[in-house]
Structure formats: C-alpha cells, structure tokens
C-alpha atoms as a PDB file:
ATOM      1  CA  MET A   1    -153.356 145.841 -88.925  1.00  0.00           C
ATOM      2  CA  TYR A   2    -150.723 142.965 -90.841  1.00  0.00           C
ATOM      3  CA  ASN A   3    -151.920 140.484 -93.077  1.00  0.00           C
ATOM      4  CA  TYR A   4    -149.752 138.935 -95.241  1.00  0.00           C
ATOM      5  CA  HIS A   5    -149.898 136.167 -97.232  1.00  0.00           C
ATOM      6  CA  PHE A   6    -146.436 134.481 -98.327  1.00  0.00           C
ATOM      7  CA  PHE A   7    -144.882 131.343 -99.153  1.00  0.00           C
ATOM      8  CA  ILE A   8    -141.694 130.537 -97.363  1.00  0.00           C
ATOM      9  CA  TYR A   9    -139.056 128.700 -99.887  1.00  0.00           C
ATOM     10  CA  PHE A  10    -135.756 127.367 -99.128  1.00  0.00           C
ATOM     11  CA  CYS A  11    -133.203 129.580-101.610  1.00  0.00           C
ATOM     12  CA  ASN A  12    -130.514 128.677-103.991  1.00  0.00           C
ATOM     13  CA  ARG A  13    -127.238 129.979-104.110  1.00  0.00           C
ATOM     14  CA  ILE A  14    -126.782 133.586-104.516  1.00  0.00           C
ATOM     15  CA  ASN A  15    -124.861 133.698-107.545  1.00  0.00           C
ATOM     16  CA  LYS A  16    -127.395 130.904-109.451  1.00  0.00           C
ATOM     17  CA  LYS A  17    -129.055 132.563-112.976  1.00  0.00           C
ATOM     18  CA  ARG A  18    -133.225 132.058-112.375  1.00  0.00           C
ATOM     19  CA  LYS A  19    -132.853 130.687-116.206  1.00  0.00           C
ATOM     20  CA  GLU A  20    -130.788 127.530-114.325  1.00  0.00           C
ATOM     21  CA  LYS A  21    -133.947 127.219-111.573  1.00  0.00           C
ATOM     22  CA  GLU A  22    -136.466 126.160-114.162  1.00  0.00           C
ATOM     23  CA  VAL A  23    -137.145 121.723-114.463  1.00  0.00           C
ATOM     24  CA  SER A  24    -140.044 120.052-115.146  1.00  0.00           C
ATOM     25  CA  ILE A  25    -142.645 118.498-112.940  1.00  0.00           C
ATOM     26  CA  ILE A  26    -141.814 114.984-113.937  1.00  0.00           C
ATOM     27  CA  LYS A  27    -138.291 115.933-112.173  1.00  0.00           C
ATOM     28  CA  ARG A  28    -139.975 117.371-109.524  1.00  0.00           C
ATOM     29  CA  TRP A  29    -141.717 114.543-108.558  1.00  0.00           C
ATOM     30  CA  THR A  30    -139.081 111.885-109.307  1.00  0.00           C
ATOM     31  CA  LEU A  31    -136.807 113.006-106.342  1.00  0.00           C
ATOM     32  CA  ALA A  32    -140.032 112.726-104.133  1.00  0.00           C
ATOM     33  CA  SER A  33    -140.507 109.121-105.428  1.00  0.00           C
ATOM     34  CA  MET A  34    -136.987 108.734-105.200  1.00  0.00           C
ATOM     35  CA  LEU A  35    -137.229 109.749-101.437  1.00  0.00           C
ATOM     36  CA  LEU A  36    -139.992 107.220-100.897  1.00  0.00           C
ATOM     37  CA  LEU A  37    -138.175 104.120-102.301  1.00  0.00           C
ATOM     38  CA  MET A  38    -134.951 104.660-100.665  1.00  0.00           C
ATOM     39  CA  THR A  39    -135.671 105.499 -97.427  1.00  0.00           C
ATOM     40  CA  GLY A  40    -136.849 102.818 -94.898  1.00  0.00           C
ATOM     41  CA  VAL A  41    -138.998 104.923 -93.309  1.00  0.00           C
ATOM     42  CA  ALA A  42    -140.553 107.009 -95.668  1.00  0.00           C
ATOM     43  CA  TYR A  43    -143.985 105.747 -94.774  1.00  0.00           C
ATOM     44  CA  ALA A  44    -143.554 108.024 -91.748  1.00  0.00           C
ATOM     45  CA  GLN A  45    -142.015 111.060 -93.133  1.00  0.00           C
ATOM     46  CA  LYS A  46    -144.022 113.958 -94.388  1.00  0.00           C
ATOM     47  CA  LEU A  47    -143.118 115.746 -97.107  1.00  0.00           C
ATOM     48  CA  THR A  48    -143.382 119.781 -97.599  1.00  0.00           C
ATOM     49  CA  VAL A  49    -142.163 122.328-100.330  1.00  0.00           C
ATOM     50  CA  ARG A  50    -142.144 124.956 -97.812  1.00  0.00           C
ATOM     51  CA  SER A  51    -139.854 125.672 -94.195  1.00  0.00           C
ATOM     52  CA  THR A  52    -142.253 126.540 -91.969  1.00  0.00           C
ATOM     53  CA  MET A  53    -144.671 124.565 -90.606  1.00  0.00           C
ATOM     54  CA  PHE A  54    -148.107 127.101 -91.770  1.00  0.00           C
ATOM     55  CA  LEU A  55    -148.396 128.128 -95.159  1.00  0.00           C
ATOM     56  CA  GLN A  56    -148.487 132.039 -93.840  1.00  0.00           C
ATOM     57  CA  SER A  57    -147.957 133.681 -90.677  1.00  0.00           C
ATOM     58  CA  LYS A  58    -150.442 133.725 -87.967  1.00  0.00           C
ATOM     59  CA  PRO A  59    -150.935 135.996 -84.851  1.00  0.00           C
ATOM     60  CA  ALA A  60    -149.690 134.045 -81.507  1.00  0.00           C
ATOM     61  CA  THR A  61    -149.136 134.447 -77.914  1.00  0.00           C
ATOM     62  CA  VAL A  62    -145.649 133.457 -76.728  1.00  0.00           C
ATOM     63  CA  ALA A  63    -145.138 132.743 -72.531  1.00  0.00           C
ATOM     64  CA  LEU A  64    -141.959 133.410 -71.657  1.00  0.00           C
ATOM     65  CA  THR A  65    -139.717 131.961 -69.287  1.00  0.00           C
ATOM     66  CA  ASP A  66    -139.640 134.455 -67.001  1.00  0.00           C
ATOM     67  CA  GLY A  67    -143.726 134.965 -66.497  1.00  0.00           C
ATOM     68  CA  ARG A  68    -144.550 137.258 -69.172  1.00  0.00           C
ATOM     69  CA  THR A  69    -147.290 136.643 -72.505  1.00  0.00           C
ATOM     70  CA  LEU A  70    -146.076 138.514 -75.637  1.00  0.00           C
ATOM     71  CA  LYS A  71    -148.688 139.154 -78.665  1.00  0.00           C
ATOM     72  CA  VAL A  72    -147.053 138.519 -81.629  1.00  0.00           C
ATOM     73  CA  SER A  73    -149.056 139.638 -84.738  1.00  0.00           C
ATOM     74  CA  ASN A  74    -146.598 137.859 -87.252  1.00  0.00           C
ATOM     75  CA  ALA A  75    -144.819 134.450 -86.030  1.00  0.00           C
ATOM     76  CA  ASN A  76    -144.031 130.490 -87.526  1.00  0.00           C
ATOM     77  CA  VAL A  77    -142.238 127.809 -86.638  1.00  0.00           C
ATOM     78  CA  PHE A  78    -139.035 127.346 -88.660  1.00  0.00           C
ATOM     79  CA  LEU A  79    -138.977 123.634 -89.733  1.00  0.00           C
ATOM     80  CA  LYS A  80    -134.638 123.713 -90.101  1.00  0.00           C
ATOM     81  CA  ASN A  81    -134.517 123.859 -86.013  1.00  0.00           C
ATOM     82  CA  ALA A  82    -138.419 124.077 -84.486  1.00  0.00           C
ATOM     83  CA  ALA A  83    -137.980 127.570 -84.005  1.00  0.00           C
ATOM     84  CA  LEU A  84    -140.357 130.271 -82.969  1.00  0.00           C
ATOM     85  CA  LEU A  85    -139.775 132.518 -86.341  1.00  0.00           C
ATOM     86  CA  TYR A  86    -141.279 135.979 -86.167  1.00  0.00           C
ATOM     87  CA  PHE A  87    -141.206 139.447 -87.822  1.00  0.00           C
ATOM     88  CA  GLN A  88    -139.672 142.487 -87.384  1.00  0.00           C
ATOM     89  CA  GLY A  89    -141.265 145.201 -90.295  1.00  0.00           C
ATOM     90  CA  GLU A  90    -140.932 142.324 -93.287  1.00  0.00           C
ATOM     91  CA  GLN A  91    -137.112 140.846 -91.457  1.00  0.00           C
ATOM     92  CA  ALA A  92    -137.498 137.445 -90.373  1.00  0.00           C
ATOM     93  CA  LYS A  93    -136.317 136.992 -86.773  1.00  0.00           C
ATOM     94  CA  GLU A  94    -135.126 133.565 -84.739  1.00  0.00           C
ATOM     95  CA  ALA A  95    -136.731 133.811 -81.470  1.00  0.00           C
ATOM     96  CA  ARG A  96    -134.358 132.541 -78.419  1.00  0.00           C
ATOM     97  CA  MET A  97    -135.539 129.952 -77.334  1.00  0.00           C
ATOM     98  CA  ASP A  98    -133.814 129.086 -74.183  1.00  0.00           C
ATOM     99  CA  ASN A  99    -136.604 132.216 -73.162  1.00  0.00           C
ATOM    100  CA  VAL A 100    -139.734 130.590 -74.713  1.00  0.00           C
ATOM    101  CA  LEU A 101    -141.783 128.634 -72.778  1.00  0.00           C
ATOM    102  CA  GLY A 102    -144.502 127.818 -75.116  1.00  0.00           C
ATOM    103  CA  VAL A 103    -146.322 129.733 -78.140  1.00  0.00           C
ATOM    104  CA  GLN A 104    -150.792 129.291 -78.591  1.00  0.00           C
ATOM    105  CA  PHE A 105    -151.858 129.448 -82.405  1.00  0.00           C
ATOM    106  CA  ASP A 106    -155.359 129.763 -83.631  1.00  0.00           C
ATOM    107  CA  ASP A 107    -155.335 126.413 -84.044  1.00  0.00           C
ATOM    108  CA  ARG A 108    -152.482 124.745 -82.715  1.00  0.00           C
ATOM    109  CA  SER A 109    -150.310 125.204 -79.295  1.00  0.00           C
ATOM    110  CA  PHE A 110    -146.598 124.208 -78.856  1.00  0.00           C
ATOM    111  CA  ILE A 111    -144.569 123.486 -75.795  1.00  0.00           C
ATOM    112  CA  ASN A 112    -140.627 124.008 -75.697  1.00  0.00           C
ATOM    113  CA  ILE A 113    -139.355 121.076 -75.429  1.00  0.00           C
ATOM    114  CA  ASP A 114    -134.926 121.079 -75.436  1.00  0.00           C
ATOM    115  CA  ASN A 115    -135.583 124.300 -76.977  1.00  0.00           C
ATOM    116  CA  ARG A 116    -137.758 123.131 -80.250  1.00  0.00           C
ATOM    117  CA  LEU A 117    -141.374 123.751 -80.389  1.00  0.00           C
ATOM    118  CA  ALA A 118    -143.486 120.553 -80.030  1.00  0.00           C
ATOM    119  CA  TYR A 119    -146.815 120.585 -81.073  1.00  0.00           C
ATOM    120  CA  PHE A 120    -149.664 119.186 -78.687  1.00  0.00           C
ATOM    121  CA  VAL A 121    -151.185 116.145 -80.198  1.00  0.00           C
ATOM    122  CA  ASP A 122    -153.791 114.828 -77.981  1.00  0.00           C
ATOM    123  CA  SER A 123    -154.008 113.354 -74.255  1.00  0.00           C
ATOM    124  CA  ILE A 124    -155.069 110.929 -72.289  1.00  0.00           C
ATOM    125  CA  LYS A 125    -155.475 109.780 -68.339  1.00  0.00           C
ATOM    126  CA  GLY A 126    -153.568 113.170 -67.718  1.00  0.00           C
ATOM    127  CA  ASN A 127    -150.839 112.471 -69.809  1.00  0.00           C
ATOM    128  CA  GLY A 128    -150.209 113.933 -73.493  1.00  0.00           C
ATOM    129  CA  LEU A 129    -148.683 113.332 -76.636  1.00  0.00           C
ATOM    130  CA  TYR A 130    -146.063 116.082 -78.614  1.00  0.00           C
ATOM    131  CA  CYS A 131    -144.353 115.869 -82.068  1.00  0.00           C
ATOM    132  CA  VAL A 132    -141.486 118.139 -82.716  1.00  0.00           C
ATOM    133  CA  GLU A 133    -141.169 118.534 -87.063  1.00  0.00           C
ATOM    134  CA  THR A 134    -137.906 119.551 -88.372  1.00  0.00           C
ATOM    135  CA  ILE A 135    -136.642 119.009 -92.101  1.00  0.00           C
ATOM    136  CA  ASP A 136    -134.710 116.167 -92.184  1.00  0.00           C
ATOM    137  CA  ILE A 137    -131.507 117.431 -93.932  1.00  0.00           C
ATOM    138  CA  ASP A 138    -129.504 114.465 -93.957  1.00  0.00           C
ATOM    139  CA  ASP A 139    -131.882 112.146 -95.818  1.00  0.00           C
ATOM    140  CA  TYR A 140    -132.061 114.897 -97.765  1.00  0.00           C
ATOM    141  CA  GLU A 141    -128.479 115.172 -98.839  1.00  0.00           C
ATOM    142  CA  ARG A 142    -128.303 111.825 -99.330  1.00  0.00           C
ATOM    143  CA  ASN A 143    -130.865 111.995-101.784  1.00  0.00           C
ATOM    144  CA  LEU A 144    -129.148 114.572-103.401  1.00  0.00           C
ATOM    145  CA  LYS A 145    -125.848 113.250-104.242  1.00  0.00           C
ATOM    146  CA  ASN A 146    -128.297 111.254-106.329  1.00  0.00           C
ATOM    147  CA  ASN A 147    -129.451 113.257-108.518  1.00  0.00           C
ATOM    148  CA  VAL A 148    -126.753 116.249-109.868  1.00  0.00           C
ATOM    149  CA  ASN A 149    -129.667 118.047-111.240  1.00  0.00           C
ATOM    150  CA  PHE A 150    -131.044 119.177-107.954  1.00  0.00           C
ATOM    151  CA  THR A 151    -129.508 122.176-106.643  1.00  0.00           C
ATOM    152  CA  HIS A 152    -128.082 122.382-103.017  1.00  0.00           C
ATOM    153  CA  ILE A 153    -130.727 123.894-100.511  1.00  0.00           C
ATOM    154  CA  ASP A 154    -129.669 127.577 -98.288  1.00  0.00           C
ATOM    155  CA  LEU A 155    -131.681 126.456 -95.238  1.00  0.00           C
ATOM    156  CA  SER A 156    -131.669 130.165 -93.889  1.00  0.00           C
ATOM    157  CA  HIS A 157    -134.239 132.661 -92.322  1.00  0.00           C
ATOM    158  CA  ASP A 158    -132.242 135.534 -94.169  1.00  0.00           C
ATOM    159  CA  HIS A 159    -134.123 135.190 -96.863  1.00  0.00           C
ATOM    160  CA  LEU A 160    -137.688 135.205 -95.539  1.00  0.00           C
ATOM    161  CA  ASP A 161    -139.461 138.429 -95.336  1.00  0.00           C
ATOM    162  CA  THR A 162    -143.328 138.764 -94.863  1.00  0.00           C
ATOM    163  CA  ALA A 163    -143.586 140.233 -98.912  1.00  0.00           C
ATOM    164  CA  THR A 164    -142.051 136.865-100.230  1.00  0.00           C
ATOM    165  CA  THR A 165    -144.574 135.410-102.413  1.00  0.00           C
ATOM    166  CA  GLY A 166    -142.676 133.878-105.079  1.00  0.00           C
ATOM    167  CA  PHE A 167    -140.772 130.466-105.058  1.00  0.00           C
ATOM    168  CA  GLU A 168    -136.805 130.815-105.459  1.00  0.00           C
ATOM    169  CA  ASN A 169    -135.865 127.196-105.376  1.00  0.00           C
ATOM    170  CA  ALA A 170    -137.917 126.468-108.690  1.00  0.00           C
ATOM    171  CA  GLU A 171    -137.734 123.001-108.861  1.00  0.00           C
ATOM    172  CA  GLU A 172    -140.031 123.052-105.886  1.00  0.00           C
ATOM    173  CA  VAL A 173    -138.458 119.547-104.733  1.00  0.00           C
ATOM    174  CA  PRO A 174    -140.475 118.227-101.543  1.00  0.00           C
ATOM    175  CA  TYR A 175    -137.863 118.031 -98.368  1.00  0.00           C
ATOM    176  CA  PRO A 176    -138.932 114.812 -95.993  1.00  0.00           C
ATOM    177  CA  VAL A 177    -139.730 115.961 -92.894  1.00  0.00           C
ATOM    178  CA  ASN A 178    -138.370 113.956 -89.250  1.00  0.00           C
ATOM    179  CA  ARG A 179    -141.475 113.810 -86.857  1.00  0.00           C
ATOM    180  CA  GLN A 180    -139.885 113.038 -83.275  1.00  0.00           C
ATOM    181  CA  PHE A 181    -143.069 111.945 -80.520  1.00  0.00           C
ATOM    182  CA  TYR A 182    -142.724 113.181 -76.825  1.00  0.00           C
ATOM    183  CA  TYR A 183    -145.086 112.281 -74.303  1.00  0.00           C
ATOM    184  CA  ARG A 184    -145.439 113.861 -71.123  1.00  0.00           C
ATOM    185  CA  LEU A 185    -146.053 111.660 -68.483  1.00  0.00           C
ATOM    186  CA  ASP A 186    -146.708 112.253 -65.030  1.00  0.00           C
ATOM    187  CA  GLY A 187    -145.601 116.164 -65.285  1.00  0.00           C
ATOM    188  CA  LYS A 188    -142.405 115.034 -67.279  1.00  0.00           C
ATOM    189  CA  PHE A 189    -140.906 115.088 -71.091  1.00  0.00           C
ATOM    190  CA  VAL A 190    -140.081 111.467 -72.408  1.00  0.00           C
ATOM    191  CA  LEU A 191    -138.700 110.637 -75.916  1.00  0.00           C
ATOM    192  CA  ALA A 192    -141.534 108.256 -77.404  1.00  0.00           C
ATOM    193  CA  ASP A 193    -138.102 105.888 -77.593  1.00  0.00           C
ATOM    194  CA  PRO A 194    -138.024 102.051 -76.077  1.00  0.00           C
ATOM    195  CA  ARG A 195    -134.960 102.987 -74.978  1.00  0.00           C
ATOM    196  CA  GLU A 196    -135.779 106.121 -73.526  1.00  0.00           C
ATOM    197  CA  LEU A 197    -139.085 104.878 -72.201  1.00  0.00           C
ATOM    198  CA  ASN A 198    -137.363 101.773 -70.381  1.00  0.00           C
ATOM    199  CA  HIS A 199    -135.085 104.222 -68.385  1.00  0.00           C
ATOM    200  CA  THR A 200    -138.481 106.122 -66.931  1.00  0.00           C
ATOM    201  CA  LEU A 201    -141.224 103.868 -66.612  1.00  0.00           C
ATOM    202  CA  SER A 202    -141.983 101.301 -63.297  1.00  0.00           C
ATOM    203  CA  LYS A 203    -141.162  97.377 -64.439  1.00  0.00           C
ATOM    204  CA  LYS A 204    -145.125  97.016 -64.367  1.00  0.00           C
ATOM    205  CA  ARG A 205    -144.784  99.467 -67.293  1.00  0.00           C
ATOM    206  CA  SER A 206    -142.189  98.496 -68.770  1.00  0.00           C
ATOM    207  CA  ARG A 207    -143.814  95.235 -69.655  1.00  0.00           C
ATOM    208  CA  ILE A 208    -146.708  96.477 -70.856  1.00  0.00           C
ATOM    209  CA  MET A 209    -144.803  98.651 -73.582  1.00  0.00           C
ATOM    210  CA  ARG A 210    -143.008  95.551 -74.285  1.00  0.00           C
ATOM    211  CA  THR A 211    -146.364  93.474 -75.230  1.00  0.00           C
ATOM    212  CA  ILE A 212    -147.542  96.264 -77.026  1.00  0.00           C
ATOM    213  CA  THR A 213    -144.850  97.443 -79.173  1.00  0.00           C
ATOM    214  CA  ASN A 214    -144.143  93.826 -79.876  1.00  0.00           C
ATOM    215  CA  VAL A 215    -147.378  93.239 -82.154  1.00  0.00           C
ATOM    216  CA  PRO A 216    -146.391  93.406 -85.942  1.00  0.00           C
ATOM    217  CA  ASP A 217    -148.662  96.470 -86.594  1.00  0.00           C
ATOM    218  CA  PHE A 218    -147.218  98.924 -83.974  1.00  0.00           C
ATOM    219  CA  ASN A 219    -145.367 101.994 -85.339  1.00  0.00           C
ATOM    220  CA  TRP A 220    -143.457 104.381 -83.651  1.00  0.00           C
ATOM    221  CA  SER A 221    -144.213 107.349 -86.182  1.00  0.00           C
ATOM    222  CA  ASP A 222    -148.117 107.072 -85.843  1.00  0.00           C
ATOM    223  CA  THR A 223    -150.169 108.869 -83.317  1.00  0.00           C
ATOM    224  CA  GLU A 224    -152.935 106.252 -82.790  1.00  0.00           C
ATOM    225  CA  CYS A 225    -150.716 103.746 -81.854  1.00  0.00           C
ATOM    226  CA  LEU A 226    -148.408 105.706 -79.816  1.00  0.00           C
ATOM    227  CA  MET A 227    -152.218 107.155 -78.289  1.00  0.00           C
ATOM    228  CA  ARG A 228    -152.811 103.421 -77.441  1.00  0.00           C
ATOM    229  CA  LEU A 229    -149.453 102.847 -76.023  1.00  0.00           C
ATOM    230  CA  LEU A 230    -149.639 106.050 -73.949  1.00  0.00           C
ATOM    231  CA  GLY A 231    -153.636 105.348 -72.422  1.00  0.00           C
ATOM    232  CA  LEU A 232    -151.788 101.367 -71.144  1.00  0.00           C
ATOM    233  CA  ILE A 233    -149.023 102.915 -69.647  1.00  0.00           C
ATOM    234  CA  SER A 234    -151.206 106.047 -67.783  1.00  0.00           C
ATOM    235  CA  ASP A 235    -152.961 103.412 -65.634  1.00  0.00           C
END
C-alpha cells in the first residue's frame, strides 16, 4: 500500500547551484505583493507554491470514455494544464485526457471539460457549477520580468516523484492560479462568461443574466455570485 507524503514543487534550471536558490522570506513575499498590486484581477486569483492541486497524492477512481473505471493508488491534478497525474512506481505520469471522462477523489469530483479536469462546486435546480484551476504562466512571467532576482520556472512533471519532500525552488515564490468557471446547463457545459452565455441562453434568460451581472458587486470569479446567477437562469 502506498502512503507517500510529498510536496510537489517547481524546479530551477538543472545547472543552478543549490546555494543560489537561498533567498529571504521578505523577498518571497515581495513578489506576492507585486502580484496583488500589478494584477487587476488579483482579488480573484489564488496563490500557490505547489504544481498540484492536492498537497499529497490520493487514491482516485478514474472513469474512462470507453465505460471502464480504474482504481489509482496515487493520483493528483497537475496545475500546469489541469491534467490527471498518476504514478507508476515513483515516476509521475500524465494521463491521456482524451481517454478520461471524470475522476473521483475522496472529497472532490472532477469532470473532463475540453481535456481539463474541472471540479464540482455546487448545483441548483438540476444545473451545476464547475471550476478549472491552472497556473497563470503568463501572469507569472510578466511579474518575473520585474524582478531579475527570481529564477525562471521549469514546469515539468519529469521532476516529480513520490519520494519528493524538498523544495527545489528555494524562493518558494507563490504562483498565481487562474480559475475558469463552467456551468452545466441542461446537460451541456458552457463557459461562465457573458458572451458565451448570451449565445446559449434564451432571450428571456439572457435578459435576466444582463440584469444580474450589471449590478456593481457582481463578480464573475465569485462562486456565490455565479450560483445566484445559475439559480435565476435555471428557471
């Protein structure tokens, strides 16, 4: 039985000396502050120092597109691309997402939307809200250019294994995470975006959406706002 406890971290370039990775706590959170100040939607973003959704790997049941199900002893979700990550021995592998229908962990269920794993948030009146989380590489790179003391990240699962317990990226720089929400409306998945919804909803539902979303405190990245909207357009 596998019971691996590990942190999954980004790696520095292979030729960097270990001593070059040591930085102060102040420097770590200086960049975090930059992310909050320089990104207009920072209030909607999460920050993480991991490249996976879960701190440690978990058993999972994987539903395949051919109708079969597989039990996986150690699995996770790779935040580079929201793909299923599993282990063969101590080697991390990415699943072929075109074969994956969904994944069930002990406390969270995922569905494959456009070859990315989206976790279930909530449901109302037979419709549901789902979220895809991925590292915002573009935002990270933009902020990286403003501080040359931070090292470029190597976002690859080749460095991950079940025995990993150290932090190769010594800066422990928090990485911004994009959250993209989807509605399941009448059995179809639709991006929670005004333009996409306008193409999908009836005229009546579109009018309701515009009325609700024009309220100043409505936030397309807030789950409570999105669920309130979902309830009204599900009538």
